[in-house]
Amino acid sequence: MQEIIIKNLMAQLDLERDAIKPESRFVEDFSMDSLDMVEMLIDLEKETGIKVPVEEVGDIHTVGELIKHLEGKQA
C-alpha cells in the first residue's frame, strides 16, 4: 500500500521519492488543498478498489495515517 501511495503522490504532485515520508503532512509539507486530496483519493480508489468516505478524510493528515487507514480497510 505504501508503494502505491508514494507513486501516486509522485505523479500527482511531481515530487521526488525521498520527499515523501510517513510523517509528511499533506497540507503543510505538500501544500495540498481539498481538491488535491479528493483527486488523490479517487486515483487511489481506482487503483486499489478501496473507497475513503469524505467524512473520514478530515482524520487523515499524513502519508503514514493514509497508509494505515487504507491497510485497515483492505483487511
N, C-alpha and C. Protein backbone atom coordinates (compact mmCIF):
# COMPACT_ATOMS: atom_id res chain seq x y z
N MET A 1 0.82 -1.19 0.00
CA MET A 1 0.00 0.00 0.00
C MET A 1 0.87 1.26 0.00
N GLN A 2 1.94 1.21 0.76
CA GLN A 2 2.84 2.37 0.85
C GLN A 2 3.39 2.74 -0.53
N GLU A 3 3.80 1.73 -1.30
CA GLU A 3 4.35 2.00 -2.63
C GLU A 3 3.31 2.62 -3.56
N ILE A 4 2.09 2.15 -3.49
CA ILE A 4 1.02 2.69 -4.33
C ILE A 4 0.80 4.16 -4.00
N ILE A 5 0.75 4.48 -2.72
CA ILE A 5 0.53 5.87 -2.28
C ILE A 5 1.70 6.75 -2.70
N ILE A 6 2.91 6.28 -2.50
CA ILE A 6 4.10 7.08 -2.86
C ILE A 6 4.11 7.35 -4.36
N LYS A 7 3.86 6.33 -5.17
CA LYS A 7 3.86 6.51 -6.62
C LYS A 7 2.77 7.49 -7.05
N ASN A 8 1.61 7.39 -6.39
CA ASN A 8 0.51 8.29 -6.70
C ASN A 8 0.89 9.74 -6.39
N LEU A 9 1.48 9.98 -5.23
CA LEU A 9 1.88 11.34 -4.84
C LEU A 9 2.98 11.87 -5.75
N MET A 10 3.92 11.02 -6.12
CA MET A 10 4.99 11.44 -7.03
C MET A 10 4.41 11.93 -8.35
N ALA A 11 3.43 11.18 -8.87
CA ALA A 11 2.83 11.54 -10.16
C ALA A 11 1.94 12.77 -10.04
N GLN A 12 1.11 12.80 -9.00
CA GLN A 12 0.14 13.90 -8.86
C GLN A 12 0.81 15.23 -8.54
N LEU A 13 1.80 15.20 -7.67
CA LEU A 13 2.39 16.45 -7.17
C LEU A 13 3.79 16.72 -7.73
N ASP A 14 4.26 15.85 -8.60
CA ASP A 14 5.59 16.00 -9.18
C ASP A 14 6.66 16.09 -8.09
N LEU A 15 6.61 15.12 -7.17
CA LEU A 15 7.55 15.07 -6.04
C LEU A 15 8.62 14.02 -6.28
N GLU A 16 9.76 14.21 -5.66
CA GLU A 16 10.80 13.18 -5.65
C GLU A 16 10.43 12.15 -4.59
N ARG A 17 10.84 10.91 -4.82
CA ARG A 17 10.51 9.83 -3.89
C ARG A 17 11.00 10.12 -2.46
N ASP A 18 12.21 10.65 -2.33
CA ASP A 18 12.75 10.87 -0.99
C ASP A 18 12.09 12.05 -0.27
N ALA A 19 11.22 12.79 -0.95
CA ALA A 19 10.48 13.88 -0.30
C ALA A 19 9.23 13.35 0.41
N ILE A 20 8.88 12.09 0.15
CA ILE A 20 7.65 11.51 0.71
C ILE A 20 8.01 10.54 1.83
N LYS A 21 7.66 10.93 3.05
CA LYS A 21 7.94 10.12 4.23
C LYS A 21 6.63 9.86 4.97
N PRO A 22 6.58 8.83 5.83
CA PRO A 22 5.34 8.57 6.57
C PRO A 22 4.86 9.78 7.38
N GLU A 23 5.79 10.57 7.86
CA GLU A 23 5.40 11.73 8.69
C GLU A 23 5.09 12.98 7.86
N SER A 24 5.24 12.88 6.53
CA SER A 24 4.95 14.02 5.66
C SER A 24 3.46 14.38 5.74
N ARG A 25 3.19 15.67 5.91
CA ARG A 25 1.81 16.16 6.03
C ARG A 25 1.34 16.69 4.68
N PHE A 26 0.13 16.31 4.32
CA PHE A 26 -0.40 16.68 3.00
C PHE A 26 -0.50 18.19 2.83
N VAL A 27 -1.07 18.88 3.80
CA VAL A 27 -1.29 20.33 3.66
C VAL A 27 0.01 21.10 3.92
N GLU A 28 0.63 20.85 5.06
CA GLU A 28 1.80 21.64 5.46
C GLU A 28 3.03 21.37 4.61
N ASP A 29 3.28 20.10 4.28
CA ASP A 29 4.51 19.75 3.55
C ASP A 29 4.33 19.76 2.03
N PHE A 30 3.15 19.37 1.56
CA PHE A 30 2.93 19.26 0.12
C PHE A 30 2.03 20.35 -0.44
N SER A 31 1.52 21.23 0.43
CA SER A 31 0.62 22.33 0.02
C SER A 31 -0.61 21.82 -0.74
N MET A 32 -1.13 20.67 -0.31
CA MET A 32 -2.32 20.12 -0.95
C MET A 32 -3.56 20.83 -0.41
N ASP A 33 -4.52 21.07 -1.30
CA ASP A 33 -5.79 21.60 -0.84
C ASP A 33 -6.84 20.48 -0.91
N SER A 34 -8.07 20.80 -0.62
CA SER A 34 -9.10 19.76 -0.56
C SER A 34 -9.30 19.10 -1.93
N LEU A 35 -9.18 19.86 -2.99
CA LEU A 35 -9.32 19.29 -4.33
C LEU A 35 -8.21 18.29 -4.62
N ASP A 36 -6.98 18.63 -4.22
CA ASP A 36 -5.86 17.70 -4.38
C ASP A 36 -6.11 16.40 -3.63
N MET A 37 -6.64 16.54 -2.41
CA MET A 37 -6.91 15.35 -1.58
C MET A 37 -7.95 14.46 -2.26
N VAL A 38 -9.02 15.07 -2.74
CA VAL A 38 -10.08 14.29 -3.39
C VAL A 38 -9.52 13.60 -4.64
N GLU A 39 -8.73 14.32 -5.42
CA GLU A 39 -8.14 13.75 -6.62
C GLU A 39 -7.25 12.55 -6.27
N MET A 40 -6.45 12.70 -5.21
CA MET A 40 -5.58 11.62 -4.77
C MET A 40 -6.40 10.40 -4.35
N LEU A 41 -7.46 10.63 -3.58
CA LEU A 41 -8.26 9.52 -3.09
C LEU A 41 -9.01 8.82 -4.22
N ILE A 42 -9.45 9.58 -5.23
CA ILE A 42 -10.11 8.97 -6.39
C ILE A 42 -9.11 8.09 -7.14
N ASP A 43 -7.90 8.60 -7.34
CA ASP A 43 -6.87 7.81 -8.02
C ASP A 43 -6.55 6.54 -7.24
N LEU A 44 -6.43 6.67 -5.92
CA LEU A 44 -6.12 5.50 -5.09
C LEU A 44 -7.27 4.50 -5.11
N GLU A 45 -8.51 5.00 -5.12
CA GLU A 45 -9.66 4.10 -5.17
C GLU A 45 -9.67 3.32 -6.48
N LYS A 46 -9.35 4.00 -7.59
CA LYS A 46 -9.30 3.32 -8.89
C LYS A 46 -8.24 2.22 -8.88
N GLU A 47 -7.12 2.50 -8.23
CA GLU A 47 -6.01 1.54 -8.25
C GLU A 47 -6.19 0.41 -7.25
N THR A 48 -6.80 0.70 -6.09
CA THR A 48 -6.88 -0.31 -5.03
C THR A 48 -8.28 -0.86 -4.82
N GLY A 49 -9.30 -0.13 -5.29
CA GLY A 49 -10.67 -0.55 -5.03
C GLY A 49 -11.16 -0.18 -3.64
N ILE A 50 -10.35 0.56 -2.90
CA ILE A 50 -10.70 0.94 -1.53
C ILE A 50 -11.22 2.37 -1.53
N LYS A 51 -12.47 2.54 -1.08
CA LYS A 51 -13.10 3.86 -1.05
C LYS A 51 -12.90 4.49 0.34
N VAL A 52 -12.53 5.76 0.34
CA VAL A 52 -12.41 6.52 1.60
C VAL A 52 -13.54 7.54 1.60
N PRO A 53 -14.55 7.36 2.46
CA PRO A 53 -15.66 8.32 2.52
C PRO A 53 -15.16 9.73 2.88
N VAL A 54 -15.82 10.72 2.34
CA VAL A 54 -15.42 12.12 2.55
C VAL A 54 -15.32 12.46 4.04
N GLU A 55 -16.23 11.92 4.85
CA GLU A 55 -16.21 12.25 6.28
C GLU A 55 -14.96 11.71 6.99
N GLU A 56 -14.27 10.75 6.41
CA GLU A 56 -13.06 10.21 7.02
C GLU A 56 -11.80 10.98 6.61
N VAL A 57 -11.89 11.77 5.56
CA VAL A 57 -10.73 12.47 5.03
C VAL A 57 -10.15 13.44 6.05
N GLY A 58 -10.99 14.08 6.84
CA GLY A 58 -10.53 15.06 7.83
C GLY A 58 -9.64 14.46 8.90
N ASP A 59 -9.68 13.14 9.07
CA ASP A 59 -8.86 12.47 10.08
C ASP A 59 -7.50 12.05 9.53
N ILE A 60 -7.27 12.27 8.26
CA ILE A 60 -6.03 11.82 7.61
C ILE A 60 -5.18 13.04 7.27
N HIS A 61 -4.05 13.17 7.98
CA HIS A 61 -3.20 14.35 7.80
C HIS A 61 -1.81 14.03 7.26
N THR A 62 -1.37 12.79 7.42
CA THR A 62 -0.02 12.43 6.99
C THR A 62 -0.06 11.22 6.06
N VAL A 63 1.04 11.00 5.37
CA VAL A 63 1.16 9.84 4.49
C VAL A 63 1.00 8.56 5.31
N GLY A 64 1.62 8.51 6.48
CA GLY A 64 1.52 7.33 7.34
C GLY A 64 0.09 7.04 7.78
N GLU A 65 -0.66 8.10 8.11
CA GLU A 65 -2.06 7.91 8.50
C GLU A 65 -2.88 7.35 7.34
N LEU A 66 -2.59 7.82 6.13
CA LEU A 66 -3.30 7.32 4.95
C LEU A 66 -2.97 5.85 4.71
N ILE A 67 -1.71 5.50 4.86
CA ILE A 67 -1.30 4.10 4.69
C ILE A 67 -2.05 3.21 5.67
N LYS A 68 -2.04 3.59 6.96
CA LYS A 68 -2.73 2.79 7.99
C LYS A 68 -4.22 2.70 7.70
N HIS A 69 -4.81 3.81 7.29
CA HIS A 69 -6.25 3.85 7.02
C HIS A 69 -6.62 2.90 5.89
N LEU A 70 -5.87 2.96 4.79
CA LEU A 70 -6.17 2.10 3.65
C LEU A 70 -5.88 0.64 3.97
N GLU A 71 -4.80 0.37 4.69
CA GLU A 71 -4.49 -1.02 5.06
C GLU A 71 -5.56 -1.57 5.98
N GLY A 72 -6.11 -0.73 6.86
CA GLY A 72 -7.20 -1.16 7.74
C GLY A 72 -8.46 -1.52 6.97
N LYS A 73 -8.73 -0.78 5.91
CA LYS A 73 -9.91 -1.06 5.09
C LYS A 73 -9.68 -2.27 4.19
N GLN A 74 -8.43 -2.54 3.88
CA GLN A 74 -8.08 -3.65 2.99
C GLN A 74 -8.28 -4.99 3.68
N ALA A 75 -8.07 -5.02 4.97
CA ALA A 75 -8.12 -6.29 5.72
C ALA A 75 -9.52 -6.87 5.80
